[in-house]
């Protein structure tokens, strides 16, 4: 068969159901092969960046590799932000990129970029298919690399003259993801370290979600009565109403929650790379603390902090074995104290004069069904969700740890395709939403009924906050013009609403939830509401 048909056959054998793309002439043979693949739906986006975010959001929701196609240098460059997001978020993704004809290479051919070199720093593997008969081998290996160890993106360059060539194709066995288990010695060291602890904590990251270990994490944390904190934008890794939940380590985290880590003497880091944001600029894990770091990736251990106990293991397997340990909890007061600290700063009760953003989160918590899934863009507006929304079930939140603007709405499309029966709500600021707003038409065309909330304050709010902190009142480059997102939504066939009070928002939300349409709710927000902890006026006075 042709190399293009072999590629599609690999996708079918891997049970791929959705692929995302912007079509390009450099990989037309693949598109033609997909025409006959009835089990695979092709989602054609308006921009490669949007397509990549959709694939990444789909991969997070479906717990399988996202697939995205784009053409040569220009399409590849456009989707590179989604690839970087997949790398920083440890999301499995296969990125297929059409490439210039081999005879034209090295001559600065039309849209020519050396794709493997271009992407090498932000992917797990970058490869070009030069021999049609090697297509199955390379694609199968790409799945293996993307989905095993620490998951991440792989890019495959496809010279346009290779794709129609035919050859004898050999397909290998289906991928079996390895699940390494800690040794007895590993667990004994964990047991010994915890037995000496007075103030232990667990920091739970995306590896817990990837291993589908949320339930067993609750069991183990409960057995040993250890407070649990969620790593940056991994909110749904542990239920917030659980008496052991102690908060989220993200941007603008309340000092009382940070204090939990600062006062801990033993940290059990599970499936987290201990990023800059999670560790509050690498400041809160100090040498006197004992660190037990368990991760599927060998390179994660010691990359940021040298662990006292470092274990390479699948988190679900590790927690299963850890559940058999005999460690007597002697830190009951510690647990109660840190839970009280969290509840005190995350209270969602609405008082008179409460800022609009908090009222919006209150309305979401009150009206959304338990299975609703939320995605967020990058921006200060997300701080209110992070601080106050009570995530009670697993697989309820998808956000970019890479901090990529334009992520929220396209990722919601991917998540909705993974969970078509669940409400999916995207939260964005006006700046981020406009970066991928064209994908609203994609949602309408493909009948992907997501609900988009746009917090509109006519500015790049996060940058304005930092601008006011470092250069008070010297505002430049951060003000934006007004866009009617309500009218924009209607222009592409979506439902559009405009609200400027929390009461009106709640009324509209109920209406939107009762329908099954693509909808945009534009929420007019004061510029003063710059962050959870401050206003522009307060920043200028400080």
Protein backbone atom coordinates (compact mmCIF):
# COMPACT_ATOMS: atom_id res chain seq x y z
CA UNK A 1 0.00 0.00 0.00
CA UNK A 2 1.03 3.64 -0.21
CA UNK A 3 2.88 5.31 2.63
CA UNK A 4 -0.15 7.57 3.17
CA UNK A 5 -2.50 4.59 3.49
CA UNK A 6 -0.01 2.87 5.82
CA UNK A 7 -0.04 5.95 8.05
CA UNK A 8 -3.85 5.90 8.25
CA UNK A 9 -3.81 2.15 8.87
CA UNK A 10 -1.54 2.79 11.88
CA UNK A 11 -4.07 5.32 13.20
CA UNK A 12 -6.91 2.83 12.81
CA UNK A 13 -4.93 0.08 14.55
CA UNK A 14 -4.29 2.49 17.44
CA UNK A 15 -8.08 3.11 17.76
CA UNK A 16 -7.76 6.76 16.79
CA UNK A 17 -11.24 8.25 16.46
CA UNK A 18 -10.51 11.97 15.92
CA UNK A 19 -7.82 13.82 14.02
CA UNK A 20 -7.46 17.60 13.88
CA UNK A 21 -6.00 19.56 10.99
CA UNK A 22 -5.81 22.50 8.68
CA UNK A 23 -5.61 20.88 5.23
CA UNK A 24 -2.53 21.39 3.08
CA UNK A 25 -1.43 20.25 -0.36
CA UNK A 26 1.78 18.75 1.04
CA UNK A 27 -0.13 15.89 2.66
CA UNK A 28 -3.08 15.49 0.30
CA UNK A 29 -2.45 11.72 -0.06
CA UNK A 30 -3.08 11.33 3.68
CA UNK A 31 -6.30 13.35 3.49
CA UNK A 32 -7.41 11.13 0.61
CA UNK A 33 -6.63 8.01 2.66
CA UNK A 34 -8.63 9.43 5.57
CA UNK A 35 -11.59 9.84 3.21
CA UNK A 36 -12.05 6.06 3.28
CA UNK A 37 -11.38 5.68 7.02
CA UNK A 38 -14.96 5.66 8.31
CA UNK A 39 -13.88 5.10 11.92
CA UNK A 40 -11.87 8.36 12.01
CA UNK A 41 -13.52 11.80 12.11
CA UNK A 42 -11.49 14.65 10.62
CA UNK A 43 -11.97 17.98 12.42
CA UNK A 44 -10.81 20.75 10.08
CA UNK A 45 -9.92 23.88 12.03
CA UNK A 46 -9.52 27.53 11.02
CA UNK A 47 -5.93 27.87 12.27
CA UNK A 48 -3.19 25.37 13.02
CA UNK A 49 -2.73 26.79 16.52
CA UNK A 50 -6.39 26.08 17.22
CA UNK A 51 -6.11 22.57 15.76
CA UNK A 52 -3.12 21.81 17.99
CA UNK A 53 -4.93 23.07 21.11
CA UNK A 54 -7.95 20.93 20.18
CA UNK A 55 -5.76 17.84 19.85
CA UNK A 56 -4.03 18.61 23.14
CA UNK A 57 -7.32 19.16 24.98
CA UNK A 58 -8.74 15.99 23.45
CA UNK A 59 -5.70 14.02 24.56
CA UNK A 60 -6.01 15.27 28.15
CA UNK A 61 -9.70 14.42 28.29
CA UNK A 62 -9.55 11.07 26.49
CA UNK A 63 -6.27 9.92 28.11
CA UNK A 64 -4.90 8.94 24.72
CA UNK A 65 -2.68 10.53 22.10
CA UNK A 66 -4.06 13.53 20.27
CA UNK A 67 -3.47 13.61 16.51
CA UNK A 68 -2.93 16.77 14.47
CA UNK A 69 -1.90 17.43 10.86
CA UNK A 70 -0.52 20.59 9.28
CA UNK A 71 1.41 21.60 6.19
CA UNK A 72 5.11 22.42 5.81
CA UNK A 73 6.86 25.36 7.47
CA UNK A 74 3.99 27.84 7.75
CA UNK A 75 1.42 25.44 9.17
CA UNK A 76 4.05 23.85 11.37
CA UNK A 77 5.09 27.20 12.82
CA UNK A 78 1.47 28.10 13.50
CA UNK A 79 0.83 24.95 15.52
CA UNK A 80 4.14 25.02 17.42
CA UNK A 81 2.53 26.69 20.46
CA UNK A 82 0.25 23.67 20.85
CA UNK A 83 3.28 21.39 20.63
CA UNK A 84 5.06 23.38 23.33
CA UNK A 85 1.93 23.15 25.49
CA UNK A 86 1.84 19.38 25.06
CA UNK A 87 5.50 19.16 26.07
CA UNK A 88 5.17 21.27 29.22
CA UNK A 89 1.85 19.64 30.14
CA UNK A 90 3.13 16.08 29.51
CA UNK A 91 0.36 15.40 26.99
CA UNK A 92 0.75 12.61 24.40
CA UNK A 93 0.39 13.97 20.88
CA UNK A 94 1.40 12.92 17.38
CA UNK A 95 2.02 15.83 15.02
CA UNK A 96 2.17 14.97 11.31
CA UNK A 97 3.66 17.72 9.15
CA UNK A 98 3.73 17.79 5.37
CA UNK A 99 7.20 18.57 4.02
CA UNK A 100 8.78 19.85 0.82
CA UNK A 101 9.51 17.37 -2.01
CA UNK A 102 12.89 15.72 -1.40
CA UNK A 103 14.28 16.96 -4.73
CA UNK A 104 13.66 20.56 -3.69
CA UNK A 105 15.19 20.36 -0.23
CA UNK A 106 18.07 22.64 0.68
CA UNK A 107 17.11 25.17 -2.01
CA UNK A 108 14.78 27.19 0.21
CA UNK A 109 11.85 25.49 -1.48
CA UNK A 110 8.32 26.81 -1.08
CA UNK A 111 7.57 27.02 2.66
CA UNK A 112 10.68 24.98 3.43
CA UNK A 113 11.78 24.61 7.07
CA UNK A 114 13.93 21.82 8.48
CA UNK A 115 11.10 20.56 10.67
CA UNK A 116 13.04 18.06 12.75
CA UNK A 117 15.54 20.73 13.78
CA UNK A 118 12.82 23.34 14.29
CA UNK A 119 10.87 21.15 16.74
CA UNK A 120 13.65 19.12 18.38
CA UNK A 121 13.86 21.25 21.58
CA UNK A 122 10.12 21.01 22.33
CA UNK A 123 9.25 17.40 21.51
CA UNK A 124 10.18 13.95 22.74
CA UNK A 125 11.16 12.83 19.25
CA UNK A 126 11.39 14.52 15.85
CA UNK A 127 11.75 12.30 12.78
CA UNK A 128 11.28 12.37 9.02
CA UNK A 129 9.97 9.47 6.96
CA UNK A 130 12.34 9.05 4.02
CA UNK A 131 11.43 5.48 3.00
CA UNK A 132 7.73 4.59 2.43
CA UNK A 133 8.19 1.05 3.80
CA UNK A 134 9.31 2.47 7.15
CA UNK A 135 6.07 4.39 7.70
CA UNK A 136 4.47 1.73 9.98
CA UNK A 137 7.66 1.32 12.00
CA UNK A 138 8.06 5.07 12.57
CA UNK A 139 4.39 5.80 13.35
CA UNK A 140 4.16 2.87 15.76
CA UNK A 141 7.33 4.01 17.46
CA UNK A 142 5.93 7.53 17.63
CA UNK A 143 2.88 6.26 19.54
CA UNK A 144 5.17 4.35 21.89
CA UNK A 145 7.35 7.39 22.61
CA UNK A 146 4.40 9.78 22.97
CA UNK A 147 2.44 7.59 25.39
CA UNK A 148 5.08 5.90 27.53
CA UNK A 149 7.30 7.31 30.26
CA UNK A 150 6.51 10.98 30.69
CA UNK A 151 3.99 11.52 27.87
CA UNK A 152 4.63 14.24 25.31
CA UNK A 153 4.52 15.25 21.65
CA UNK A 154 6.27 13.62 18.71
CA UNK A 155 6.52 15.25 15.28
CA UNK A 156 6.77 13.29 12.05
CA UNK A 157 7.86 15.08 8.91
CA UNK A 158 6.24 13.74 5.73
CA UNK A 159 7.97 14.70 2.44
CA UNK A 160 5.17 15.09 -0.09
CA UNK A 161 6.84 12.80 -2.64
CA UNK A 162 7.12 9.92 -0.14
CA UNK A 163 3.42 9.75 0.73
CA UNK A 164 2.09 8.34 -2.61
CA UNK A 165 4.90 5.78 -2.97
CA UNK A 166 3.92 2.15 -2.46
CA UNK A 167 5.75 -0.61 -0.64
CA UNK A 168 5.37 -3.84 1.29
CA UNK A 169 4.16 -2.73 4.73
CA UNK A 170 4.68 -4.67 7.95
CA UNK A 171 2.71 -3.70 11.06
CA UNK A 172 3.87 -4.55 14.54
CA UNK A 173 1.94 -5.54 17.68
CA UNK A 174 -0.35 -3.02 19.36
CA UNK A 175 1.17 -0.78 22.01
CA UNK A 176 1.14 -2.02 25.59
CA UNK A 177 2.03 0.79 27.98
CA UNK A 178 4.49 -0.44 30.64
CA UNK A 179 3.54 0.12 34.29
CA UNK A 180 6.75 -0.12 36.36
CA UNK A 181 6.31 -0.90 40.06
CA UNK A 182 8.52 0.21 42.99
CA UNK A 183 10.84 -2.37 44.50
CA UNK A 184 10.49 -3.60 48.08
CA UNK A 185 13.55 -1.53 48.99
CA UNK A 186 11.95 1.58 47.48
CA UNK A 187 8.81 1.15 49.55
CA UNK A 188 10.80 0.41 52.70
CA UNK A 189 12.63 3.73 52.30
CA UNK A 190 9.31 5.57 51.83
CA UNK A 191 7.95 3.86 54.93
CA UNK A 192 10.99 4.79 57.00
CA UNK A 193 10.90 8.42 55.88
CA UNK A 194 7.17 8.83 56.56
CA UNK A 195 7.50 7.14 59.97
CA UNK A 196 9.78 9.96 61.09
CA UNK A 197 7.56 12.71 59.68
CA UNK A 198 5.73 15.24 61.84
CA UNK A 199 4.22 17.40 59.11
CA UNK A 200 4.01 15.42 55.83
CA UNK A 201 2.23 16.53 52.67
CA UNK A 202 1.48 15.12 49.24
CA UNK A 203 1.87 17.23 46.09
CA UNK A 204 -0.17 15.47 43.39
CA UNK A 205 0.49 16.23 39.72
CA UNK A 206 -0.59 15.26 36.25
CA UNK A 207 1.01 11.83 36.56
CA UNK A 208 -1.76 10.86 38.96
CA UNK A 209 -4.36 11.82 36.36
CA UNK A 210 -2.49 10.11 33.53
CA UNK A 211 -2.30 6.88 35.55
CA UNK A 212 -6.00 7.21 36.46
CA UNK A 213 -4.96 6.91 40.07
CA UNK A 214 -7.24 9.54 41.64
CA UNK A 215 -9.30 7.02 43.61
CA UNK A 216 -6.35 5.11 45.01
CA UNK A 217 -4.66 8.40 45.94
CA UNK A 218 -7.68 9.15 48.11
CA UNK A 219 -7.38 5.73 49.74
CA UNK A 220 -3.66 6.06 50.49
CA UNK A 221 -3.89 9.66 51.67
CA UNK A 222 -6.82 8.68 53.86
CA UNK A 223 -5.09 5.66 55.35
CA UNK A 224 -2.08 7.71 56.46
CA UNK A 225 -3.96 11.01 56.98
CA UNK A 226 -1.63 13.10 54.78
CA UNK A 227 -2.75 16.52 53.48
CA UNK A 228 -2.87 16.71 49.67
CA UNK A 229 -2.08 19.74 47.51
CA UNK A 230 -2.71 19.89 43.76
CA UNK A 231 0.15 20.87 41.46
CA UNK A 232 -0.35 23.80 39.08
CA UNK A 233 -3.57 23.45 37.10
CA UNK A 234 -4.16 19.87 38.25
CA UNK A 235 -7.12 20.87 40.44
CA UNK A 236 -9.26 17.79 39.84
CA UNK A 237 -6.57 15.36 40.98
CA UNK A 238 -8.14 15.31 44.48
CA UNK A 239 -11.68 16.29 45.61
CA UNK A 240 -11.76 19.71 47.23
CA UNK A 241 -14.43 18.77 49.76
CA UNK A 242 -12.24 15.95 51.10
CA UNK A 243 -10.99 16.72 54.65
CA UNK A 244 -7.39 16.10 53.50
CA UNK A 245 -7.40 18.57 50.59
CA UNK A 246 -5.15 21.52 51.44
CA UNK A 247 -5.17 23.67 48.28
CA UNK A 248 -3.71 24.37 44.87
CA UNK A 249 -0.14 25.48 44.18
CA UNK A 250 -0.43 27.94 41.33
CA UNK A 251 -0.11 31.58 40.39
CA UNK A 252 -1.20 33.94 43.14
CA UNK A 253 -1.68 31.13 45.64
CA UNK A 254 -2.85 32.44 48.99
CA UNK A 255 0.02 32.67 51.53
CA UNK A 256 -1.89 30.39 53.92
CA UNK A 257 -1.77 27.57 51.36
CA UNK A 258 1.89 28.22 50.56
CA UNK A 259 2.54 28.02 54.30
CA UNK A 260 1.45 24.37 54.25
CA UNK A 261 4.44 23.52 52.07
CA UNK A 262 6.78 25.86 53.90
CA UNK A 263 6.03 24.19 57.24
CA UNK A 264 6.08 20.59 55.95
CA UNK A 265 9.00 18.40 56.91
CA UNK A 266 8.34 15.56 54.41
CA UNK A 267 7.04 16.10 50.87
CA UNK A 268 5.71 13.19 48.85
CA UNK A 269 5.70 14.43 45.22
CA UNK A 270 3.59 12.19 42.99
CA UNK A 271 3.68 12.53 39.22
CA UNK A 272 4.78 16.16 39.21
CA UNK A 273 7.87 17.72 37.67
CA UNK A 274 7.88 20.31 40.50
CA UNK A 275 7.61 23.19 38.07
CA UNK A 276 8.43 26.84 38.64
CA UNK A 277 4.77 27.65 39.32
CA UNK A 278 4.04 24.67 41.57
CA UNK A 279 7.11 25.42 43.70
CA UNK A 280 6.43 29.19 43.77
CA UNK A 281 9.54 30.15 41.82
CA UNK A 282 11.50 27.19 43.21
CA UNK A 283 11.31 28.70 46.68
CA UNK A 284 9.24 26.46 48.95
CA UNK A 285 11.08 23.12 48.81
CA UNK A 286 14.11 23.74 50.98
CA UNK A 287 17.07 21.50 51.93
CA UNK A 288 15.84 20.68 55.43
CA UNK A 289 12.71 19.00 54.04
CA UNK A 290 12.77 15.33 53.11
CA UNK A 291 11.63 14.81 49.52
CA UNK A 292 10.13 11.56 48.26
CA UNK A 293 9.69 11.94 44.51
CA UNK A 294 7.84 9.28 42.51
CA UNK A 295 7.49 9.72 38.76
CA UNK A 296 7.22 7.62 35.62
CA UNK A 297 10.15 9.53 34.12
CA UNK A 298 13.70 8.89 35.29
CA UNK A 299 14.79 12.35 34.11
CA UNK A 300 12.24 14.06 36.37
CA UNK A 301 14.01 12.80 39.48
CA UNK A 302 16.65 15.30 40.52
CA UNK A 303 16.01 17.62 37.58
CA UNK A 304 14.89 20.38 39.95
CA UNK A 305 15.38 18.96 43.44
CA UNK A 306 17.55 16.00 44.44
CA UNK A 307 15.18 13.58 46.20
CA UNK A 308 15.97 11.78 49.44
CA UNK A 309 13.96 8.92 47.98
CA UNK A 310 13.58 8.84 44.19
CA UNK A 311 11.44 6.17 42.56
CA UNK A 312 10.70 5.54 38.88
CA UNK A 313 7.23 4.03 38.79
CA UNK A 314 3.71 4.28 37.46
CA UNK A 315 1.82 6.30 40.08
CA UNK A 316 -1.10 3.88 40.29
CA UNK A 317 1.24 0.94 40.80
CA UNK A 318 3.27 2.88 43.36
CA UNK A 319 0.20 3.91 45.36
CA UNK A 320 -1.13 0.36 45.28
CA UNK A 321 2.04 -0.91 46.93
CA UNK A 322 2.24 2.04 49.31
CA UNK A 323 -1.25 1.23 50.55
CA UNK A 324 0.24 -1.87 52.20
CA UNK A 325 2.73 0.12 54.28
CA UNK A 326 2.43 0.30 58.05
CA UNK A 327 2.94 3.93 59.01
CA UNK A 328 1.13 5.26 62.04
CA UNK A 329 -0.15 8.82 61.57
CA UNK A 330 0.93 11.01 64.48
CA UNK A 331 0.11 14.34 62.88
CA UNK A 332 -3.66 14.67 63.37
CA UNK A 333 -3.47 18.29 64.51
CA UNK A 334 -1.29 19.15 61.52
CA UNK A 335 -3.98 17.79 59.19
CA UNK A 336 -6.76 19.75 60.88
CA UNK A 337 -4.74 22.95 60.94
CA UNK A 338 -3.90 22.90 57.23
CA UNK A 339 -7.46 21.99 56.25
CA UNK A 340 -8.74 24.93 58.29
CA UNK A 341 -6.22 27.19 56.56
CA UNK A 342 -7.46 26.09 53.14
CA UNK A 343 -11.17 26.42 53.91
CA UNK A 344 -10.65 29.88 55.40
CA UNK A 345 -9.19 31.29 52.18
CA UNK A 346 -11.32 29.36 49.66
CA UNK A 347 -14.75 30.15 51.10
CA UNK A 348 -17.14 30.79 48.22
CA UNK A 349 -19.81 32.51 50.29
CA UNK A 350 -20.85 35.78 48.68
CA UNK A 351 -20.94 38.88 50.85
CA UNK A 352 -22.24 42.33 50.03
CA UNK A 353 -19.87 44.16 47.70
CA UNK A 354 -18.16 40.93 46.51
CA UNK A 355 -16.31 41.37 43.23
CA UNK A 356 -18.03 40.25 40.04
CA UNK A 357 -15.52 37.52 39.19
CA UNK A 358 -16.09 35.70 42.47
CA UNK A 359 -19.84 35.93 42.00
CA UNK A 360 -19.47 34.31 38.57
CA UNK A 361 -17.56 31.38 40.08
CA UNK A 362 -20.25 31.08 42.76
CA UNK A 363 -22.92 30.86 40.07
CA UNK A 364 -20.94 28.18 38.20
CA UNK A 365 -20.49 26.10 41.36
CA UNK A 366 -24.20 26.43 42.12
CA UNK A 367 -25.56 25.60 38.66
CA UNK A 368 -23.15 23.26 36.88
CA UNK A 369 -23.90 19.53 37.06
CA UNK A 370 -21.35 17.30 38.78
CA UNK A 371 -20.02 15.95 35.48
CA UNK A 372 -19.38 19.36 33.87
CA UNK A 373 -15.83 19.84 32.58
CA UNK A 374 -14.12 23.23 32.61
CA UNK A 375 -11.22 24.47 30.52
CA UNK A 376 -9.34 27.72 31.01
CA UNK A 377 -7.20 30.04 29.01
CA UNK A 378 -4.20 31.86 30.45
CA UNK A 379 -4.94 35.06 32.33
CA UNK A 380 -5.73 36.59 35.71
CA UNK A 381 -9.44 35.84 35.36
CA UNK A 382 -8.56 32.17 35.99
CA UNK A 383 -7.31 33.07 39.47
CA UNK A 384 -10.87 33.19 40.79
CA UNK A 385 -11.64 29.74 39.39
CA UNK A 386 -8.41 28.36 40.83
CA UNK A 387 -9.02 29.89 44.25
CA UNK A 388 -12.71 29.23 44.73
CA UNK A 389 -14.30 26.65 42.42
CA UNK A 390 -14.89 23.38 44.30
CA UNK A 391 -13.75 20.53 42.07
CA UNK A 392 -15.33 17.42 43.57
CA UNK A 393 -14.89 14.81 40.85
CA UNK A 394 -12.02 13.65 38.66
CA UNK A 395 -11.69 14.71 35.01
CA UNK A 396 -13.39 18.05 35.55
CA UNK A 397 -10.62 20.49 34.66
CA UNK A 398 -8.25 21.09 31.73
CA UNK A 399 -5.86 24.04 31.70
CA UNK A 400 -2.48 24.82 30.13
CA UNK A 401 0.43 24.59 32.56
CA UNK A 402 2.43 26.21 29.76
CA UNK A 403 0.35 29.37 30.23
CA UNK A 404 -0.56 29.58 26.53
CA UNK A 405 -3.11 32.24 25.59
CA UNK A 406 -5.81 31.15 23.17
CA UNK A 407 -5.95 27.67 24.70
CA UNK A 408 -9.28 27.59 26.53
CA UNK A 409 -11.89 27.46 23.77
CA UNK A 410 -10.10 25.13 21.30
CA UNK A 411 -9.20 22.79 24.18
CA UNK A 412 -12.88 22.76 25.12
CA UNK A 413 -13.73 21.57 21.62
CA UNK A 414 -11.30 18.68 22.01
CA UNK A 415 -12.66 17.84 25.47
CA UNK A 416 -16.25 17.93 24.23
CA UNK A 417 -15.39 15.49 21.45
CA UNK A 418 -13.93 13.16 24.08
CA UNK A 419 -16.99 13.55 26.36
CA UNK A 420 -19.92 14.43 24.06
CA UNK A 421 -22.58 13.89 26.73
CA UNK A 422 -20.98 16.17 29.34
CA UNK A 423 -21.33 19.97 29.51
CA UNK A 424 -17.99 21.60 28.64
CA UNK A 425 -17.40 25.21 29.65
CA UNK A 426 -14.42 27.29 28.48
CA UNK A 427 -13.29 30.30 30.50
CA UNK A 428 -11.26 32.96 28.69
CA UNK A 429 -10.28 36.59 28.94
CA UNK A 430 -10.96 38.87 26.00
CA UNK A 431 -7.27 38.91 25.05
CA UNK A 432 -6.84 35.15 24.95
CA UNK A 433 -10.22 34.46 23.40
CA UNK A 434 -9.45 36.68 20.41
CA UNK A 435 -6.27 34.70 19.68
CA UNK A 436 -8.25 31.64 18.60
CA UNK A 437 -11.75 33.08 18.26
CA UNK A 438 -12.00 31.75 14.70
CA UNK A 439 -12.47 28.25 16.11
CA UNK A 440 -16.01 29.25 17.13
CA UNK A 441 -16.90 28.64 13.50
CA UNK A 442 -15.23 25.23 13.75
CA UNK A 443 -17.43 24.43 16.74
CA UNK A 444 -20.56 25.46 14.85
CA UNK A 445 -19.61 23.64 11.64
CA UNK A 446 -18.77 20.39 13.40
CA UNK A 447 -21.66 20.74 15.89
CA UNK A 448 -19.49 20.77 19.01
CA UNK A 449 -21.74 22.54 21.56
CA UNK A 450 -19.32 24.13 24.01
CA UNK A 451 -20.17 27.05 26.32
CA UNK A 452 -17.65 29.90 26.24
CA UNK A 453 -17.39 32.47 29.00
CA UNK A 454 -15.45 35.59 28.00
CA UNK A 455 -14.36 37.88 30.83
CA UNK A 456 -14.09 41.17 28.96
CA UNK A 457 -12.18 44.04 30.57
CA UNK A 458 -10.72 45.44 27.32
CA UNK A 459 -7.11 44.80 28.27
CA UNK A 460 -4.34 42.27 28.66
CA UNK A 461 -5.05 42.02 32.38
CA UNK A 462 -2.15 39.90 33.61
CA UNK A 463 0.44 42.08 31.89
CA UNK A 464 -1.35 45.22 33.07
CA UNK A 465 -1.07 43.94 36.65
CA UNK A 466 2.69 43.46 36.35
CA UNK A 467 2.97 46.78 34.56
CA UNK A 468 1.26 48.55 37.45
CA UNK A 469 3.41 46.71 39.98
CA UNK A 470 6.72 47.67 38.36
CA UNK A 471 5.82 50.89 36.49
CA UNK A 472 2.71 52.38 38.18
CA UNK A 473 0.41 54.43 35.96
CA UNK A 474 2.76 54.12 32.96
CA UNK A 475 0.24 52.17 30.91
CA UNK A 476 1.39 51.18 27.43
CA UNK A 477 0.44 48.36 25.09
CA UNK A 478 -2.03 46.65 27.43
CA UNK A 479 -5.28 48.48 26.65
CA UNK A 480 -7.52 46.83 24.05
CA UNK A 481 -10.49 48.04 22.03
CA UNK A 482 -13.98 46.78 22.67
CA UNK A 483 -15.17 43.73 20.75
CA UNK A 484 -18.79 42.60 20.94
CA UNK A 485 -18.27 38.89 21.53
CA UNK A 486 -22.03 38.47 21.65
CA UNK A 487 -22.36 39.76 18.07
CA UNK A 488 -19.24 37.95 16.92
CA UNK A 489 -20.70 34.66 18.17
CA UNK A 490 -23.98 35.26 16.36
CA UNK A 491 -22.14 36.09 13.14
CA UNK A 492 -20.77 32.52 12.90
CA UNK A 493 -23.99 30.80 13.95
CA UNK A 494 -23.43 30.47 17.71
CA UNK A 495 -25.69 31.81 20.44
CA UNK A 496 -24.44 35.08 21.94
CA UNK A 497 -25.25 36.77 25.24
CA UNK A 498 -24.03 39.88 27.05
CA UNK A 499 -24.21 40.23 30.84
CA UNK A 500 -22.93 42.81 33.30
CA UNK A 501 -24.32 41.48 36.61
CA UNK A 502 -23.92 38.16 38.38
CA UNK A 503 -27.71 37.77 38.59
CA UNK A 504 -28.07 38.16 34.83
CA UNK A 505 -25.18 35.77 34.26
CA UNK A 506 -26.86 33.08 36.36
CA UNK A 507 -30.11 33.46 34.43
CA UNK A 508 -28.31 33.17 31.09
CA UNK A 509 -26.20 30.23 32.28
CA UNK A 510 -29.34 28.25 33.14
CA UNK A 511 -30.77 28.96 29.70
CA UNK A 512 -27.56 27.93 27.95
CA UNK A 513 -27.25 24.72 29.98
CA UNK A 514 -30.80 23.76 28.96
CA UNK A 515 -29.87 23.98 25.27
CA UNK A 516 -27.33 22.05 23.23
CA UNK A 517 -25.83 24.85 21.16
CA UNK A 518 -22.46 26.54 20.80
CA UNK A 519 -22.80 29.58 23.05
CA UNK A 520 -20.75 32.61 24.10
CA UNK A 521 -21.55 34.53 27.27
CA UNK A 522 -19.70 37.84 27.29
CA UNK A 523 -19.17 39.11 30.85
CA UNK A 524 -18.31 42.78 31.22
CA UNK A 525 -15.71 43.15 33.98
CA UNK A 526 -14.23 46.26 35.58
CA UNK A 527 -10.56 46.92 34.91
CA UNK A 528 -10.17 47.39 38.69
CA UNK A 529 -10.74 43.65 39.27
CA UNK A 530 -7.17 42.92 38.26
CA UNK A 531 -6.50 39.90 40.50
CA UNK A 532 -7.93 37.85 43.36
CA UNK A 533 -5.80 39.66 45.92
CA UNK A 534 -5.74 43.26 44.66
CA UNK A 535 -7.09 46.03 42.44
CA UNK A 536 -5.29 48.49 40.19
CA UNK A 537 -5.85 51.26 42.76
CA UNK A 538 -4.37 49.17 45.57
CA UNK A 539 -1.36 48.22 43.48
CA UNK A 540 -0.65 51.86 42.70
CA UNK A 541 -0.82 52.77 46.39
CA UNK A 542 1.45 49.93 47.53
